[in-house]
C-alpha atoms as a PDB file:
ATOM      1  CA  UNK A   1      88.458 110.527  72.480  1.00  0.00           C
ATOM      2  CA  UNK A   2      85.424 109.154  73.164  1.00  0.00           C
ATOM      3  CA  UNK A   3      84.816 106.526  75.622  1.00  0.00           C
ATOM      4  CA  UNK A   4      84.145 103.093  74.369  1.00  0.00           C
ATOM      5  CA  UNK A   5      80.925 101.275  75.845  1.00  0.00           C
ATOM      6  CA  UNK A   6      82.658  98.369  77.931  1.00  0.00           C
ATOM      7  CA  UNK A   7      85.265 101.208  79.130  1.00  0.00           C
ATOM      8  CA  UNK A   8      82.467 103.494  80.086  1.00  0.00           C
ATOM      9  CA  UNK A   9      80.729 100.684  82.014  1.00  0.00           C
ATOM     10  CA  UNK A  10      83.915  99.794  83.649  1.00  0.00           C
ATOM     11  CA  UNK A  11      84.375 103.354  85.342  1.00  0.00           C
ATOM     12  CA  UNK A  12      80.777 103.899  85.921  1.00  0.00           C
ATOM     13  CA  UNK A  13      81.294 100.298  88.170  1.00  0.00           C
ATOM     14  CA  UNK A  14      84.279 101.777  89.357  1.00  0.00           C
ATOM     15  CA  UNK A  15      82.926 104.833  90.912  1.00  0.00           C
ATOM     16  CA  UNK A  16      79.790 102.651  92.258  1.00  0.00           C
ATOM     17  CA  UNK A  17      82.055 100.317  94.124  1.00  0.00           C
ATOM     18  CA  UNK A  18      84.020 103.318  95.361  1.00  0.00           C
ATOM     19  CA  UNK A  19      80.722 105.269  96.805  1.00  0.00           C
ATOM     20  CA  UNK A  20      79.443 101.694  98.494  1.00  0.00           C
ATOM     21  CA  UNK A  21      82.858 101.195 100.041  1.00  0.00           C
ATOM     22  CA  UNK A  22      82.893 104.524 101.457  1.00  0.00           C
ATOM     23  CA  UNK A  23      79.334 104.440 102.839  1.00  0.00           C
ATOM     24  CA  UNK A  24      80.521 101.304 104.481  1.00  0.00           C
ATOM     25  CA  UNK A  25      83.468 103.195 106.132  1.00  0.00           C
ATOM     26  CA  UNK A  26      81.296 105.905 107.121  1.00  0.00           C
ATOM     27  CA  UNK A  27      78.979 103.618 109.092  1.00  0.00           C
ATOM     28  CA  UNK A  28      82.241 101.864 110.721  1.00  0.00           C
ATOM     29  CA  UNK A  29      83.612 105.600 111.970  1.00  0.00           C
ATOM     30  CA  UNK A  30      79.953 106.838 113.026  1.00  0.00           C
ATOM     31  CA  UNK A  31      79.677 103.173 115.176  1.00  0.00           C
ATOM     32  CA  UNK A  32      82.750 103.762 117.051  1.00  0.00           C
ATOM     33  CA  UNK A  33      82.235 107.421 117.572  1.00  0.00           C
ATOM     34  CA  UNK A  34      78.826 107.108 119.079  1.00  0.00           C
ATOM     35  CA  UNK A  35      79.554 103.599 120.790  1.00  0.00           C
ATOM     36  CA  UNK A  36      82.562 104.499 122.268  1.00  0.00           C
ATOM     37  CA  UNK A  37      83.650 108.084 121.902  1.00  0.00           C
ATOM     38  CA  UNK A  38      80.093 109.433 122.844  1.00  0.00           C
ATOM     39  CA  UNK A  39      79.281 106.748 125.898  1.00  0.00           C
ATOM     40  CA  UNK A  40      82.561 107.001 127.457  1.00  0.00           C
ATOM     41  CA  UNK A  41      83.056 110.913 127.080  1.00  0.00           C
ATOM     42  CA  UNK A  42      86.038 110.403 125.053  1.00  0.00           C
ATOM     43  CA  UNK A  43      87.231 113.088 122.940  1.00  0.00           C
ATOM     44  CA  UNK A  44      88.471 112.942 119.210  1.00  0.00           C
ATOM     45  CA  UNK A  45      90.318 114.983 117.310  1.00  0.00           C
ATOM     46  CA  UNK A  46      90.304 117.330 113.890  1.00  0.00           C
ATOM     47  CA  UNK A  47      86.774 118.341 112.837  1.00  0.00           C
ATOM     48  CA  UNK A  48      84.968 115.686 114.788  1.00  0.00           C
ATOM     49  CA  UNK A  49      86.618 116.360 118.251  1.00  0.00           C
ATOM     50  CA  UNK A  50      84.991 119.847 117.722  1.00  0.00           C
ATOM     51  CA  UNK A  51      81.330 118.323 117.005  1.00  0.00           C
ATOM     52  CA  UNK A  52      82.277 115.739 120.124  1.00  0.00           C
ATOM     53  CA  UNK A  53      83.112 119.372 122.020  1.00  0.00           C
ATOM     54  CA  UNK A  54      79.878 120.926 121.181  1.00  0.00           C
ATOM     55  CA  UNK A  55      77.716 117.868 121.683  1.00  0.00           C
ATOM     56  CA  UNK A  56      79.285 117.576 125.810  1.00  0.00           C
ATOM     57  CA  UNK A  57      79.367 121.680 126.466  1.00  0.00           C
ATOM     58  CA  UNK A  58      76.501 122.541 124.222  1.00  0.00           C
ATOM     59  CA  UNK A  59      74.837 119.449 123.634  1.00  0.00           C
ATOM     60  CA  UNK A  60      74.323 120.244 120.380  1.00  0.00           C
ATOM     61  CA  UNK A  61      73.817 117.055 117.734  1.00  0.00           C
ATOM     62  CA  UNK A  62      77.205 116.086 115.972  1.00  0.00           C
ATOM     63  CA  UNK A  63      74.838 114.832 112.912  1.00  0.00           C
ATOM     64  CA  UNK A  64      74.247 118.279 112.770  1.00  0.00           C
ATOM     65  CA  UNK A  65      77.500 120.248 113.104  1.00  0.00           C
ATOM     66  CA  UNK A  66      79.489 117.960 111.459  1.00  0.00           C
ATOM     67  CA  UNK A  67      77.746 119.279 108.279  1.00  0.00           C
ATOM     68  CA  UNK A  68      77.658 122.783 109.262  1.00  0.00           C
ATOM     69  CA  UNK A  69      81.734 122.351 109.993  1.00  0.00           C
ATOM     70  CA  UNK A  70      82.459 121.205 106.796  1.00  0.00           C
ATOM     71  CA  UNK A  71      80.518 124.060 104.242  1.00  0.00           C
ATOM     72  CA  UNK A  72      83.300 126.306 103.894  1.00  0.00           C
ATOM     73  CA  UNK A  73      86.113 122.932 103.112  1.00  0.00           C
ATOM     74  CA  UNK A  74      83.460 121.965 100.289  1.00  0.00           C
ATOM     75  CA  UNK A  75      84.797 124.684  98.190  1.00  0.00           C
ATOM     76  CA  UNK A  76      88.581 124.215  99.429  1.00  0.00           C
ATOM     77  CA  UNK A  77      87.969 120.277  98.244  1.00  0.00           C
ATOM     78  CA  UNK A  78      86.421 121.755  94.528  1.00  0.00           C
ATOM     79  CA  UNK A  79      89.361 123.786  94.559  1.00  0.00           C
ATOM     80  CA  UNK A  80      92.240 121.550  94.999  1.00  0.00           C
ATOM     81  CA  UNK A  81      91.262 118.449  94.788  1.00  0.00           C
ATOM     82  CA  UNK A  82      89.073 117.809  91.566  1.00  0.00           C
ATOM     83  CA  UNK A  83      85.447 116.878  91.059  1.00  0.00           C
ATOM     84  CA  UNK A  84      86.126 113.144  91.728  1.00  0.00           C
ATOM     85  CA  UNK A  85      87.385 113.957  95.523  1.00  0.00           C
ATOM     86  CA  UNK A  86      85.061 116.628  96.089  1.00  0.00           C
ATOM     87  CA  UNK A  87      81.846 114.249  95.086  1.00  0.00           C
ATOM     88  CA  UNK A  88      83.542 111.301  97.589  1.00  0.00           C
ATOM     89  CA  UNK A  89      83.743 114.297 100.121  1.00  0.00           C
ATOM     90  CA  UNK A  90      80.034 115.223 100.106  1.00  0.00           C
ATOM     91  CA  UNK A  91      79.018 111.520  99.877  1.00  0.00           C
ATOM     92  CA  UNK A  92      81.309 110.528 102.454  1.00  0.00           C
ATOM     93  CA  UNK A  93      80.594 113.902 105.283  1.00  0.00           C
ATOM     94  CA  UNK A  94      76.975 112.854 104.822  1.00  0.00           C
ATOM     95  CA  UNK A  95      77.524 109.527 105.451  1.00  0.00           C
ATOM     96  CA  UNK A  96      78.732 110.179 108.241  1.00  0.00           C
ATOM     97  CA  UNK A  97      76.132 112.553 109.452  1.00  0.00           C
ATOM     98  CA  UNK A  98      73.597 110.610 108.323  1.00  0.00           C
ATOM     99  CA  UNK A  99      75.085 107.098 110.448  1.00  0.00           C
ATOM    100  CA  UNK A 100      75.473 109.224 113.001  1.00  0.00           C
ATOM    101  CA  UNK A 101      72.124 110.323 113.461  1.00  0.00           C
ATOM    102  CA  UNK A 102      70.725 106.141 112.759  1.00  0.00           C
ATOM    103  CA  UNK A 103      73.384 104.992 115.773  1.00  0.00           C
ATOM    104  CA  UNK A 104      71.868 108.042 118.213  1.00  0.00           C
ATOM    105  CA  UNK A 105      68.603 106.847 117.649  1.00  0.00           C
ATOM    106  CA  UNK A 106      69.392 103.358 117.546  1.00  0.00           C
ATOM    107  CA  UNK A 107      72.249 102.554 119.947  1.00  0.00           C
ATOM    108  CA  UNK A 108      73.613  99.743 121.395  1.00  0.00           C
ATOM    109  CA  UNK A 109      74.702 100.124 125.250  1.00  0.00           C
ATOM    110  CA  UNK A 110      78.133  99.600 125.809  1.00  0.00           C
ATOM    111  CA  UNK A 111      79.331 100.756 129.705  1.00  0.00           C
ATOM    112  CA  UNK A 112      83.036 100.478 128.964  1.00  0.00           C
ATOM    113  CA  UNK A 113      83.386 103.958 131.592  1.00  0.00           C
ATOM    114  CA  UNK A 114      84.961 101.417 134.019  1.00  0.00           C
ATOM    115  CA  UNK A 115      87.510 100.604 131.753  1.00  0.00           C
ATOM    116  CA  UNK A 116      88.456 103.464 129.351  1.00  0.00           C
ATOM    117  CA  UNK A 117      91.528 101.401 128.046  1.00  0.00           C
ATOM    118  CA  UNK A 118      89.491  98.491 126.212  1.00  0.00           C
ATOM    119  CA  UNK A 119      87.106 101.855 125.115  1.00  0.00           C
ATOM    120  CA  UNK A 120      89.809 103.724 124.215  1.00  0.00           C
ATOM    121  CA  UNK A 121      91.102 100.373 121.777  1.00  0.00           C
ATOM    122  CA  UNK A 122      87.868  99.976 120.228  1.00  0.00           C
ATOM    123  CA  UNK A 123      87.406 103.750 119.549  1.00  0.00           C
ATOM    124  CA  UNK A 124      90.646 103.981 117.831  1.00  0.00           C
ATOM    125  CA  UNK A 125      89.659 100.646 115.732  1.00  0.00           C
ATOM    126  CA  UNK A 126      86.581 101.680 114.560  1.00  0.00           C
ATOM    127  CA  UNK A 127      87.923 104.862 113.945  1.00  0.00           C
ATOM    128  CA  UNK A 128      90.935 103.981 111.950  1.00  0.00           C
ATOM    129  CA  UNK A 129      89.689 101.500 109.837  1.00  0.00           C
ATOM    130  CA  UNK A 130      86.225 103.433 109.245  1.00  0.00           C
ATOM    131  CA  UNK A 131      88.749 106.247 107.783  1.00  0.00           C
ATOM    132  CA  UNK A 132      91.033 104.070 106.104  1.00  0.00           C
ATOM    133  CA  UNK A 133      88.590 102.457 103.867  1.00  0.00           C
ATOM    134  CA  UNK A 134      87.015 105.823 103.208  1.00  0.00           C
ATOM    135  CA  UNK A 135      90.588 106.824 101.982  1.00  0.00           C
ATOM    136  CA  UNK A 136      91.499 104.083 100.400  1.00  0.00           C
ATOM    137  CA  UNK A 137      88.431 104.370  98.125  1.00  0.00           C
ATOM    138  CA  UNK A 138      89.736 107.748  97.318  1.00  0.00           C
ATOM    139  CA  UNK A 139      86.781 109.905  99.875  1.00  0.00           C
ATOM    140  CA  UNK A 140      87.343 112.079 102.911  1.00  0.00           C
ATOM    141  CA  UNK A 141      84.928 112.677 105.434  1.00  0.00           C
ATOM    142  CA  UNK A 142      85.973 116.534 105.059  1.00  0.00           C
ATOM    143  CA  UNK A 143      87.175 118.463 108.179  1.00  0.00           C
ATOM    144  CA  UNK A 144      91.165 118.027 108.958  1.00  0.00           C
ATOM    145  CA  UNK A 145      90.616 114.457 106.341  1.00  0.00           C
ATOM    146  CA  UNK A 146      90.578 117.137 103.252  1.00  0.00           C
ATOM    147  CA  UNK A 147      93.680 119.052 104.850  1.00  0.00           C
ATOM    148  CA  UNK A 148      95.850 115.611 105.713  1.00  0.00           C
ATOM    149  CA  UNK A 149      95.111 114.911 102.030  1.00  0.00           C
ATOM    150  CA  UNK A 150      96.531 117.960 100.909  1.00  0.00           C
ATOM    151  CA  UNK A 151      99.630 117.809 103.526  1.00  0.00           C
ATOM    152  CA  UNK A 152      99.945 114.285 101.592  1.00  0.00           C
ATOM    153  CA  UNK A 153      99.762 115.866  98.075  1.00  0.00           C
ATOM    154  CA  UNK A 154     101.733 118.576  98.678  1.00  0.00           C
ATOM    155  CA  UNK A 155     104.264 117.749 101.522  1.00  0.00           C
ATOM    156  CA  UNK A 156     104.271 114.326 101.376  1.00  0.00           C
ATOM    157  CA  UNK A 157     103.027 113.717 104.595  1.00  0.00           C
ATOM    158  CA  UNK A 158     101.224 110.862 105.665  1.00  0.00           C
ATOM    159  CA  UNK A 159      97.476 111.145 106.375  1.00  0.00           C
ATOM    160  CA  UNK A 160      97.648 109.903 109.779  1.00  0.00           C
ATOM    161  CA  UNK A 161     100.265 112.188 110.488  1.00  0.00           C
ATOM    162  CA  UNK A 162      99.066 115.066 109.884  1.00  0.00           C
ATOM    163  CA  UNK A 163      95.328 114.160 111.893  1.00  0.00           C
ATOM    164  CA  UNK A 164      97.408 113.381 114.918  1.00  0.00           C
ATOM    165  CA  UNK A 165      99.130 116.773 115.182  1.00  0.00           C
ATOM    166  CA  UNK A 166      95.717 118.658 114.641  1.00  0.00           C
ATOM    167  CA  UNK A 167      94.152 116.220 116.501  1.00  0.00           C
ATOM    168  CA  UNK A 168      96.281 117.176 119.699  1.00  0.00           C
ATOM    169  CA  UNK A 169      95.722 120.843 119.500  1.00  0.00           C
ATOM    170  CA  UNK A 170      91.823 119.775 119.404  1.00  0.00           C
ATOM    171  CA  UNK A 171      92.197 117.944 122.433  1.00  0.00           C
ATOM    172  CA  UNK A 172      94.450 120.057 124.174  1.00  0.00           C
ATOM    173  CA  UNK A 173      91.332 122.900 123.789  1.00  0.00           C
ATOM    174  CA  UNK A 174      88.580 119.604 124.884  1.00  0.00           C
ATOM    175  CA  UNK A 175      90.404 119.158 128.556  1.00  0.00           C
ATOM    176  CA  UNK A 176      90.732 123.067 129.037  1.00  0.00           C
ATOM    177  CA  UNK A 177      86.717 122.454 128.594  1.00  0.00           C
ATOM    178  CA  UNK A 178      84.951 119.670 129.161  1.00  0.00           C
ATOM    179  CA  UNK A 179      87.742 116.216 129.741  1.00  0.00           C
ATOM    180  CA  UNK A 180      89.571 115.406 132.740  1.00  0.00           C
ATOM    181  CA  UNK A 181      92.988 114.342 132.895  1.00  0.00           C
ATOM    182  CA  UNK A 182      92.189 110.839 132.689  1.00  0.00           C
ATOM    183  CA  UNK A 183      89.897 111.203 129.746  1.00  0.00           C
ATOM    184  CA  UNK A 184      92.040 113.170 128.116  1.00  0.00           C
ATOM    185  CA  UNK A 185      95.048 110.384 128.256  1.00  0.00           C
ATOM    186  CA  UNK A 186      92.679 107.782 126.960  1.00  0.00           C
ATOM    187  CA  UNK A 187      91.554 110.416 124.355  1.00  0.00           C
ATOM    188  CA  UNK A 188      94.989 110.481 123.036  1.00  0.00           C
ATOM    189  CA  UNK A 189      95.118 106.441 123.068  1.00  0.00           C
ATOM    190  CA  UNK A 190      92.369 106.521 120.582  1.00  0.00           C
ATOM    191  CA  UNK A 191      93.535 109.257 118.257  1.00  0.00           C
ATOM    192  CA  UNK A 192      97.125 107.397 118.496  1.00  0.00           C
ATOM    193  CA  UNK A 193      95.750 103.728 117.354  1.00  0.00           C
ATOM    194  CA  UNK A 194      93.562 105.545 114.741  1.00  0.00           C
ATOM    195  CA  UNK A 195      96.387 107.072 113.003  1.00  0.00           C
ATOM    196  CA  UNK A 196      98.285 103.686 112.850  1.00  0.00           C
ATOM    197  CA  UNK A 197      95.550 101.852 111.699  1.00  0.00           C
ATOM    198  CA  UNK A 198      94.433 104.740 109.223  1.00  0.00           C
ATOM    199  CA  UNK A 199      98.411 104.332 108.125  1.00  0.00           C
ATOM    200  CA  UNK A 200      98.321 100.985 107.802  1.00  0.00           C
ATOM    201  CA  UNK A 201      95.358 100.713 105.405  1.00  0.00           C
ATOM    202  CA  UNK A 202      96.890 103.295 103.132  1.00  0.00           C
ATOM    203  CA  UNK A 203      99.982 101.602 102.760  1.00  0.00           C
ATOM    204  CA  UNK A 204      99.672  98.163 104.237  1.00  0.00           C
ATOM    205  CA  UNK A 205      97.125  97.397 101.996  1.00  0.00           C
ATOM    206  CA  UNK A 206      99.184  98.165  98.425  1.00  0.00           C
ATOM    207  CA  UNK A 207     102.389  96.959  99.970  1.00  0.00           C
ATOM    208  CA  UNK A 208     104.595  95.626  97.642  1.00  0.00           C
ATOM    209  CA  UNK A 209     108.355  94.642  97.391  1.00  0.00           C
ATOM    210  CA  UNK A 210     111.435  96.080  95.292  1.00  0.00           C
ATOM    211  CA  UNK A 211     114.398  94.050  94.870  1.00  0.00           C
ATOM    212  CA  UNK A 212     117.549  95.713  93.266  1.00  0.00           C
ATOM    213  CA  UNK A 213     119.648  93.199  91.622  1.00  0.00           C
ATOM    214  CA  UNK A 214     123.158  93.210  90.718  1.00  0.00           C
ATOM    215  CA  UNK A 215     124.330  90.288  88.806  1.00  0.00           C
ATOM    216  CA  UNK A 216     126.672  89.354  85.997  1.00  0.00           C
ATOM    217  CA  UNK A 217     123.557  87.735  84.631  1.00  0.00           C
ATOM    218  CA  UNK A 218     120.924  90.577  85.067  1.00  0.00           C
ATOM    219  CA  UNK A 219     119.516  89.847  81.182  1.00  0.00           C
ATOM    220  CA  UNK A 220     118.521  86.112  82.290  1.00  0.00           C
ATOM    221  CA  UNK A 221     117.263  86.900  85.560  1.00  0.00           C
ATOM    222  CA  UNK A 222     114.877  89.383  83.895  1.00  0.00           C
ATOM    223  CA  UNK A 223     114.203  87.081  81.229  1.00  0.00           C
ATOM    224  CA  UNK A 224     112.672  84.628  83.370  1.00  0.00           C
ATOM    225  CA  UNK A 225     111.076  87.015  85.995  1.00  0.00           C
ATOM    226  CA  UNK A 226     109.381  87.628  82.893  1.00  0.00           C
ATOM    227  CA  UNK A 227     108.730  84.162  81.660  1.00  0.00           C
ATOM    228  CA  UNK A 228     107.667  82.382  85.239  1.00  0.00           C
ATOM    229  CA  UNK A 229     106.612  85.391  86.831  1.00  0.00           C
ATOM    230  CA  UNK A 230     105.097  87.491  84.320  1.00  0.00           C
ATOM    231  CA  UNK A 231     106.591  90.198  86.107  1.00  0.00           C
ATOM    232  CA  UNK A 232     108.667  93.154  83.875  1.00  0.00           C
ATOM    233  CA  UNK A 233     112.119  94.428  85.365  1.00  0.00           C
ATOM    234  CA  UNK A 234     114.387  97.405  84.209  1.00  0.00           C
ATOM    235  CA  UNK A 235     117.696  97.482  83.745  1.00  0.00           C
ATOM    236  CA  UNK A 236     119.647 100.554  85.401  1.00  0.00           C
ATOM    237  CA  UNK A 237     123.352 102.009  84.836  1.00  0.00           C
ATOM    238  CA  UNK A 238     125.151 101.832  87.896  1.00  0.00           C
ATOM    239  CA  UNK A 239     129.067 101.929  88.742  1.00  0.00           C
ATOM    240  CA  UNK A 240     131.205 100.141  91.951  1.00  0.00           C
ATOM    241  CA  UNK A 241     132.291 103.193  94.601  1.00  0.00           C
ATOM    242  CA  UNK A 242     135.654 101.021  94.952  1.00  0.00           C
ATOM    243  CA  UNK A 243     136.120  99.070  91.675  1.00  0.00           C
ATOM    244  CA  UNK A 244     134.708 102.412  90.000  1.00  0.00           C
ATOM    245  CA  UNK A 245     133.288  99.592  86.937  1.00  0.00           C
ATOM    246  CA  UNK A 246     130.053  99.935  85.294  1.00  0.00           C
ATOM    247  CA  UNK A 247     127.644  97.487  86.467  1.00  0.00           C
ATOM    248  CA  UNK A 248     123.774  96.711  85.770  1.00  0.00           C
ATOM    249  CA  UNK A 249     121.374  96.688  88.015  1.00  0.00           C
ATOM    250  CA  UNK A 250     117.900  95.103  87.635  1.00  0.00           C
ATOM    251  CA  UNK A 251     115.195  96.903  89.378  1.00  0.00           C
ATOM    252  CA  UNK A 252     111.659  94.660  89.699  1.00  0.00           C
ATOM    253  CA  UNK A 253     108.805  95.248  91.550  1.00  0.00           C
ATOM    254  CA  UNK A 254     106.391  92.101  92.647  1.00  0.00           C
ATOM    255  CA  UNK A 255     103.415  91.838  94.879  1.00  0.00           C
ATOM    256  CA  UNK A 256     105.009  91.160  98.286  1.00  0.00           C
ATOM    257  CA  UNK A 257     103.495  87.489  98.277  1.00  0.00           C
ATOM    258  CA  UNK A 258     105.720  86.998  95.511  1.00  0.00           C
ATOM    259  CA  UNK A 259     109.035  87.528  97.082  1.00  0.00           C
ATOM    260  CA  UNK A 260     109.851  84.414  98.184  1.00  0.00           C
ATOM    261  CA  UNK A 261     109.420  83.179  94.494  1.00  0.00           C
ATOM    262  CA  UNK A 262     111.352  85.782  93.211  1.00  0.00           C
ATOM    263  CA  UNK A 263     114.356  85.145  95.081  1.00  0.00           C
ATOM    264  CA  UNK A 264     114.112  81.145  94.380  1.00  0.00           C
ATOM    265  CA  UNK A 265     113.871  82.658  90.719  1.00  0.00           C
ATOM    266  CA  UNK A 266     117.001  84.683  91.373  1.00  0.00           C
ATOM    267  CA  UNK A 267     119.160  82.057  93.015  1.00  0.00           C
ATOM    268  CA  UNK A 268     118.070  79.848  90.166  1.00  0.00           C
ATOM    269  CA  UNK A 269     119.889  81.904  87.780  1.00  0.00           C
ATOM    270  CA  UNK A 270     123.290  83.225  90.030  1.00  0.00           C
ATOM    271  CA  UNK A 271     123.390  82.292  93.549  1.00  0.00           C
ATOM    272  CA  UNK A 272     125.795  84.665  93.903  1.00  0.00           C
ATOM    273  CA  UNK A 273     123.799  87.503  93.193  1.00  0.00           C
ATOM    274  CA  UNK A 274     123.500  90.805  95.338  1.00  0.00           C
ATOM    275  CA  UNK A 275     119.977  91.544  96.177  1.00  0.00           C
ATOM    276  CA  UNK A 276     118.666  94.592  98.198  1.00  0.00           C
ATOM    277  CA  UNK A 277     114.337  93.983  98.804  1.00  0.00           C
ATOM    278  CA  UNK A 278     112.724  97.280 100.142  1.00  0.00           C
ATOM    279  CA  UNK A 279     108.940  97.489 100.924  1.00  0.00           C
ATOM    280  CA  UNK A 280     106.926  99.680  98.233  1.00  0.00           C
ATOM    281  CA  UNK A 281     104.165 101.146  99.953  1.00  0.00           C
ATOM    282  CA  UNK A 282     102.386 102.416  96.726  1.00  0.00           C
ATOM    283  CA  UNK A 283     102.301 100.463  93.010  1.00  0.00           C
ATOM    284  CA  UNK A 284     100.884 102.459  90.252  1.00  0.00           C
ATOM    285  CA  UNK A 285     100.798 100.977  86.686  1.00  0.00           C
ATOM    286  CA  UNK A 286     100.321  97.804  84.514  1.00  0.00           C
ATOM    287  CA  UNK A 287     100.160  94.637  86.255  1.00  0.00           C
ATOM    288  CA  UNK A 288      99.137  96.678  89.997  1.00  0.00           C
ATOM    289  CA  UNK A 289      96.561  99.303  89.246  1.00  0.00           C
ATOM    290  CA  UNK A 290      96.114  98.347  84.988  1.00  0.00           C
ATOM    291  CA  UNK A 291      95.861  95.154  83.526  1.00  0.00           C
ATOM    292  CA  UNK A 292      97.780  94.601  80.026  1.00  0.00           C
ATOM    293  CA  UNK A 293      95.537  96.931  78.103  1.00  0.00           C
ATOM    294  CA  UNK A 294      96.466  99.835  80.007  1.00  0.00           C
ATOM    295  CA  UNK A 295      92.549  99.478  82.222  1.00  0.00           C
ATOM    296  CA  UNK A 296      92.125  99.811  85.942  1.00  0.00           C
ATOM    297  CA  UNK A 297      92.000  96.934  87.496  1.00  0.00           C
ATOM    298  CA  UNK A 298      89.274  95.975  90.244  1.00  0.00           C
ATOM    299  CA  UNK A 299      90.319  94.957  93.593  1.00  0.00           C
END
């Protein structure tokens, strides 16, 4: 079925928006790498860590080695991640190399070697925010990012967890070659903070709340949720383990800033309802990523 003009323009705008933010993330990531890692002799994990290793040991330009190391993984990205992610990966990788070259040429001196803890905090924050933005808009920067995305897709591992494991191995190699123990320990701080920031931006940015409601007035509660909050709900069949009686269970997902209002709606119908609220890290579908016409919602 051919897409209408409006749908085509929407998809085009979403792609342009994704590319724009992937480049913004690449700039933030590269700025942190040059001004906090490279200026303070701090390593990194993954393929970025390998490019830094080659820089500190052989003085090879990270902007060039980043491209060379990622070429083989481009084929993996094409075969396993699809055309869109492959395109965004190329853009992300080229963006990182471009901004690495720019920031190396026009550096801002930040002499923090005497305070490596502060340098590590900023390095982890910039790297985590940059990569988090890239991941959130469907891209990668190549290298271990592709491996982490595959691990998330097939094993359910968070991207931060996979990257931390890979990073540890690269940092160990860096310790053998050019890092001293002090720099290695602060590098671990960089990697840990970066991984946590990535997970926060991936999960926290889309976090919602899921509510399980057990009440004798579930239908009335569902009706009021729909009327007052414009949110749907699903009635599930359940059975009490002690009473062995069948009970309806109402399940509803709302944005995290709506949970107080949801509790108020439930309480107004049945103050004695049993309510269990959980954190939902990712929500797809109408009301969250799709509008009422099943079209993507721009964020």
